[in-house]
Each structure stands twice: as C-alpha cells, then as structure tokens.
Amino acid sequence: MEDMLSLIQWPAFAASLAAAWFVASTTKGRRNAGFWIFLLSNALWVAWGLHTSAWALIALQVCLAALNVRGLFKTEDKQQT
C-alpha cells in the first residue's frame, strides 16, 4: 500500500500538466474541463501530501482548489434575465 501511495505523485503530475493545457484553450468547453482536471489533480496532490506529511503542499492545493472552483463558475454560462 505504501508503494501505491508513493506513485500517486505521477498521475497528479500528469493531471496538473493536462489541466494547464486545457485551461489555456480558447474553447470554453476545454477550459471548463481543465478546471475539473485541476480539481482532480488537487485531490491527488492532497492524498500524496498526506502520505508524505507535506503540509505546505496540502495547504497550497486547498487554496488552488478554491481558485479552480472560481474558474469553474467563471466559465459557466451566465443566465440571462
């Protein structure tokens, strides 16, 4: 189990990189997908951070997750009244 938890950093790395690629897109749907992928990467980094007691990394990921939620709201369609 320890080895499996150590490997979480690699999918977290890949998800972070893919999310950055999608968020930089000019297509709204891809940007939105990028924020969801970033949230997945945040969760993976937190899991790895808990495993390694990397408290600053965990705090960073919680803050970045809040920014990613903000990004999701900014990319949603605004309802017209």
Protein backbone atom coordinates (compact mmCIF):
# COMPACT_ATOMS: atom_id res chain seq x y z
CA MET A 1 0.00 0.00 0.00
CA GLU A 2 2.88 2.38 0.79
CA ASP A 3 4.26 1.93 -2.72
CA MET A 4 0.87 2.65 -4.26
CA LEU A 5 0.57 5.89 -2.30
CA SER A 6 4.05 6.91 -3.39
CA LEU A 7 3.00 6.51 -7.01
CA ILE A 8 0.11 9.00 -6.67
CA GLN A 9 2.51 11.84 -7.45
CA TRP A 10 2.80 10.73 -11.09
CA PRO A 11 -0.91 10.82 -12.00
CA ALA A 12 -1.12 14.10 -10.03
CA PHE A 13 1.73 15.48 -12.12
CA ALA A 14 0.11 14.32 -15.38
CA ALA A 15 -3.30 15.70 -14.39
CA SER A 16 -1.78 19.07 -13.47
CA LEU A 17 0.01 19.31 -16.79
CA ALA A 18 -3.06 18.25 -18.80
CA ALA A 19 -5.26 20.69 -16.87
CA ALA A 20 -2.92 23.59 -17.61
CA TRP A 21 -3.06 22.67 -21.30
CA PHE A 22 -6.86 22.64 -21.30
CA VAL A 23 -7.27 25.83 -19.25
CA ALA A 24 -5.12 27.69 -21.78
CA SER A 25 -7.54 26.73 -24.59
CA THR A 26 -9.62 29.31 -26.40
CA THR A 27 -12.54 26.85 -26.37
CA LYS A 28 -14.82 27.33 -23.40
CA GLY A 29 -15.60 23.62 -23.01
CA ARG A 30 -11.92 22.71 -22.90
CA ARG A 31 -11.23 25.43 -20.34
CA ASN A 32 -14.07 24.13 -18.21
CA ALA A 33 -12.71 20.56 -18.48
CA GLY A 34 -9.32 21.92 -17.46
CA PHE A 35 -10.69 23.24 -14.19
CA TRP A 36 -12.28 19.86 -13.43
CA ILE A 37 -8.99 18.12 -14.20
CA PHE A 38 -7.20 20.63 -11.96
CA LEU A 39 -9.61 19.70 -9.15
CA LEU A 40 -8.74 16.04 -9.68
CA SER A 41 -5.04 16.92 -9.53
CA ASN A 42 -5.64 18.91 -6.33
CA ALA A 43 -7.23 15.84 -4.72
CA LEU A 44 -4.36 13.61 -5.87
CA TRP A 45 -1.74 16.05 -4.55
CA VAL A 46 -3.54 16.25 -1.21
CA ALA A 47 -3.58 12.44 -0.97
CA TRP A 48 0.13 12.33 -1.74
CA GLY A 49 0.81 15.21 0.66
CA LEU A 50 -0.98 13.40 3.47
CA HIS A 51 1.08 10.30 2.75
CA THR A 52 4.35 12.26 2.89
CA SER A 53 3.31 14.81 5.56
CA ALA A 54 3.86 17.66 3.08
CA TRP A 55 1.68 20.19 4.90
CA ALA A 56 2.61 23.20 2.78
CA LEU A 57 1.72 21.26 -0.37
CA ILE A 58 -1.65 20.34 1.13
CA ALA A 59 -2.34 23.98 2.05
CA LEU A 60 -1.35 25.07 -1.47
CA GLN A 61 -3.65 22.51 -3.06
CA VAL A 62 -6.61 23.57 -0.91
CA CYS A 63 -6.06 27.20 -1.98
CA LEU A 64 -5.61 26.22 -5.63
CA ALA A 65 -8.79 24.12 -5.46
CA ALA A 66 -10.69 27.23 -4.32
CA LEU A 67 -9.29 29.12 -7.32
CA ASN A 68 -10.27 26.25 -9.61
CA VAL A 69 -13.84 26.33 -8.29
CA ARG A 70 -13.83 30.07 -9.01
CA GLY A 71 -12.64 29.28 -12.54
CA LEU A 72 -15.48 26.81 -13.00
CA PHE A 73 -18.02 29.47 -12.06
CA LYS A 74 -16.39 31.96 -14.44
CA THR A 75 -16.61 29.53 -17.38
CA GLU A 76 -20.27 28.58 -16.83
CA ASP A 77 -22.93 30.17 -18.95
CA LYS A 78 -24.41 33.22 -17.33
CA GLN A 79 -28.18 33.06 -17.08
CA GLN A 80 -29.92 35.87 -18.86
CA THR A 81 -32.81 37.52 -17.05
